[in-house]
Amino acid sequence: MIVEAQTKRGKICRLVDNTATVAVTELEELLQELIAQDLFQPLGLSSAGGSSIRIGAPQSGHIQLGETLYRLIVIDHEARLEPF
């Protein structure tokens, strides 16, 4: 399942549920929360406090929806939910 919206800067962003287990309404709410946190943009990140910066490096973490834990990966203007 894929849901799309616009970022604060007017760019199209999407959330892809690679598990096909999350309700559309939950995906839309999560996408709006990610937009509110301004996560959809190319970021310069330094991995583990290193001295170099990788532009556009993916961000990842874990998120719980209901009773299920998922991996959340954000790259530029796309977020993906993966099984954990």
C-alpha atoms as a PDB file:
ATOM      1  CA  MET A   1       0.000   0.000   0.000  1.00  0.00           C
ATOM      2  CA  ILE A   2       1.264   3.478  -0.875  1.00  0.00           C
ATOM      3  CA  VAL A   3      -0.084   6.792   0.403  1.00  0.00           C
ATOM      4  CA  GLU A   4       1.080  10.183  -0.888  1.00  0.00           C
ATOM      5  CA  ALA A   5       0.911  13.792   0.284  1.00  0.00           C
ATOM      6  CA  GLN A   6       2.815  17.071  -0.083  1.00  0.00           C
ATOM      7  CA  THR A   7       5.647  18.220   2.137  1.00  0.00           C
ATOM      8  CA  LYS A   8       5.773  21.682   3.721  1.00  0.00           C
ATOM      9  CA  ARG A   9       7.799  22.738   0.659  1.00  0.00           C
ATOM     10  CA  GLY A  10       5.216  21.413  -1.809  1.00  0.00           C
ATOM     11  CA  LYS A  11       7.109  18.284  -2.903  1.00  0.00           C
ATOM     12  CA  ILE A  12       5.299  14.976  -3.285  1.00  0.00           C
ATOM     13  CA  CYS A  13       6.241  12.460  -0.599  1.00  0.00           C
ATOM     14  CA  ARG A  14       5.037   8.931   0.017  1.00  0.00           C
ATOM     15  CA  LEU A  15       4.820   6.224   2.603  1.00  0.00           C
ATOM     16  CA  VAL A  16       5.148   2.657   1.329  1.00  0.00           C
ATOM     17  CA  ASP A  17       3.877  -0.205   3.485  1.00  0.00           C
ATOM     18  CA  ASN A  18       6.002  -3.149   2.376  1.00  0.00           C
ATOM     19  CA  THR A  19       4.252  -5.362   4.923  1.00  0.00           C
ATOM     20  CA  ALA A  20       0.754  -4.800   3.483  1.00  0.00           C
ATOM     21  CA  THR A  21      -0.619  -5.088   7.028  1.00  0.00           C
ATOM     22  CA  VAL A  22      -1.339  -1.500   8.117  1.00  0.00           C
ATOM     23  CA  ALA A  23      -4.730   0.155   7.566  1.00  0.00           C
ATOM     24  CA  VAL A  24      -4.802   3.067   5.110  1.00  0.00           C
ATOM     25  CA  THR A  25      -6.028   5.490   7.786  1.00  0.00           C
ATOM     26  CA  GLU A  26      -3.042   4.625  10.013  1.00  0.00           C
ATOM     27  CA  LEU A  27      -0.660   5.081   7.075  1.00  0.00           C
ATOM     28  CA  GLU A  28      -2.155   8.486   6.265  1.00  0.00           C
ATOM     29  CA  GLU A  29      -1.844   9.579   9.916  1.00  0.00           C
ATOM     30  CA  LEU A  30       1.768   8.386  10.063  1.00  0.00           C
ATOM     31  CA  LEU A  31       2.595  10.192   6.814  1.00  0.00           C
ATOM     32  CA  GLN A  32       1.131  13.447   8.163  1.00  0.00           C
ATOM     33  CA  GLU A  33       3.179  13.046  11.347  1.00  0.00           C
ATOM     34  CA  LEU A  34       6.373  12.517   9.346  1.00  0.00           C
ATOM     35  CA  ILE A  35       5.571  15.634   7.310  1.00  0.00           C
ATOM     36  CA  ALA A  36       4.945  17.625  10.505  1.00  0.00           C
ATOM     37  CA  GLN A  37       8.377  16.516  11.760  1.00  0.00           C
ATOM     38  CA  ASP A  38       9.879  17.759   8.452  1.00  0.00           C
ATOM     39  CA  LEU A  39      11.629  14.440   7.753  1.00  0.00           C
ATOM     40  CA  PHE A  40      11.174  14.484   3.961  1.00  0.00           C
ATOM     41  CA  GLN A  41      14.236  16.225   2.603  1.00  0.00           C
ATOM     42  CA  PRO A  42      17.787  15.327   1.639  1.00  0.00           C
ATOM     43  CA  LEU A  43      19.740  15.385   4.874  1.00  0.00           C
ATOM     44  CA  GLY A  44      23.456  15.506   5.560  1.00  0.00           C
ATOM     45  CA  LEU A  45      24.187  12.938   8.240  1.00  0.00           C
ATOM     46  CA  SER A  46      27.344  11.860   9.954  1.00  0.00           C
ATOM     47  CA  SER A  47      27.193   8.173  10.781  1.00  0.00           C
ATOM     48  CA  ALA A  48      28.173   7.324  14.370  1.00  0.00           C
ATOM     49  CA  GLY A  49      29.760  10.701  14.968  1.00  0.00           C
ATOM     50  CA  GLY A  50      32.241  10.334  12.119  1.00  0.00           C
ATOM     51  CA  SER A  51      33.982  13.292  10.533  1.00  0.00           C
ATOM     52  CA  SER A  52      32.395  12.884   7.093  1.00  0.00           C
ATOM     53  CA  ILE A  53      28.854  13.722   6.027  1.00  0.00           C
ATOM     54  CA  ARG A  54      26.844  11.674   3.522  1.00  0.00           C
ATOM     55  CA  ILE A  55      24.209  13.745   1.745  1.00  0.00           C
ATOM     56  CA  GLY A  56      20.921  11.882   1.385  1.00  0.00           C
ATOM     57  CA  ALA A  57      21.861   9.107   3.801  1.00  0.00           C
ATOM     58  CA  PRO A  58      18.811   7.119   4.890  1.00  0.00           C
ATOM     59  CA  GLN A  59      17.392   7.507   8.359  1.00  0.00           C
ATOM     60  CA  SER A  60      16.002   4.445  10.028  1.00  0.00           C
ATOM     61  CA  GLY A  61      14.370   3.513  13.266  1.00  0.00           C
ATOM     62  CA  HIS A  62      11.566   1.470  14.719  1.00  0.00           C
ATOM     63  CA  ILE A  63       7.924   2.341  15.143  1.00  0.00           C
ATOM     64  CA  GLN A  64       5.090   0.543  16.875  1.00  0.00           C
ATOM     65  CA  LEU A  65       1.624   0.615  15.321  1.00  0.00           C
ATOM     66  CA  GLY A  66      -0.925  -1.212  17.440  1.00  0.00           C
ATOM     67  CA  GLU A  67       0.800  -4.290  18.818  1.00  0.00           C
ATOM     68  CA  THR A  68       3.264  -4.663  15.929  1.00  0.00           C
ATOM     69  CA  LEU A  69       6.800  -3.303  15.689  1.00  0.00           C
ATOM     70  CA  TYR A  70       8.058  -2.145  12.253  1.00  0.00           C
ATOM     71  CA  ARG A  71      11.301  -0.792  10.835  1.00  0.00           C
ATOM     72  CA  LEU A  72      10.840   2.712   9.366  1.00  0.00           C
ATOM     73  CA  ILE A  73      13.303   3.882   6.707  1.00  0.00           C
ATOM     74  CA  VAL A  74      13.217   7.455   5.348  1.00  0.00           C
ATOM     75  CA  ILE A  75      15.167   8.405   2.222  1.00  0.00           C
ATOM     76  CA  ASP A  76      14.644  11.883   0.755  1.00  0.00           C
ATOM     77  CA  HIS A  77      10.905  12.022  -0.057  1.00  0.00           C
ATOM     78  CA  GLU A  78       9.953   8.405   0.636  1.00  0.00           C
ATOM     79  CA  ALA A  79       9.387   6.451   3.836  1.00  0.00           C
ATOM     80  CA  ARG A  80       9.081   2.675   3.953  1.00  0.00           C
ATOM     81  CA  LEU A  81       7.618   0.375   6.579  1.00  0.00           C
ATOM     82  CA  GLU A  82       9.431  -2.965   6.695  1.00  0.00           C
ATOM     83  CA  PRO A  83       8.890  -6.044   8.861  1.00  0.00           C
ATOM     84  CA  PHE A  84      10.995  -6.089  12.017  1.00  0.00           C
END
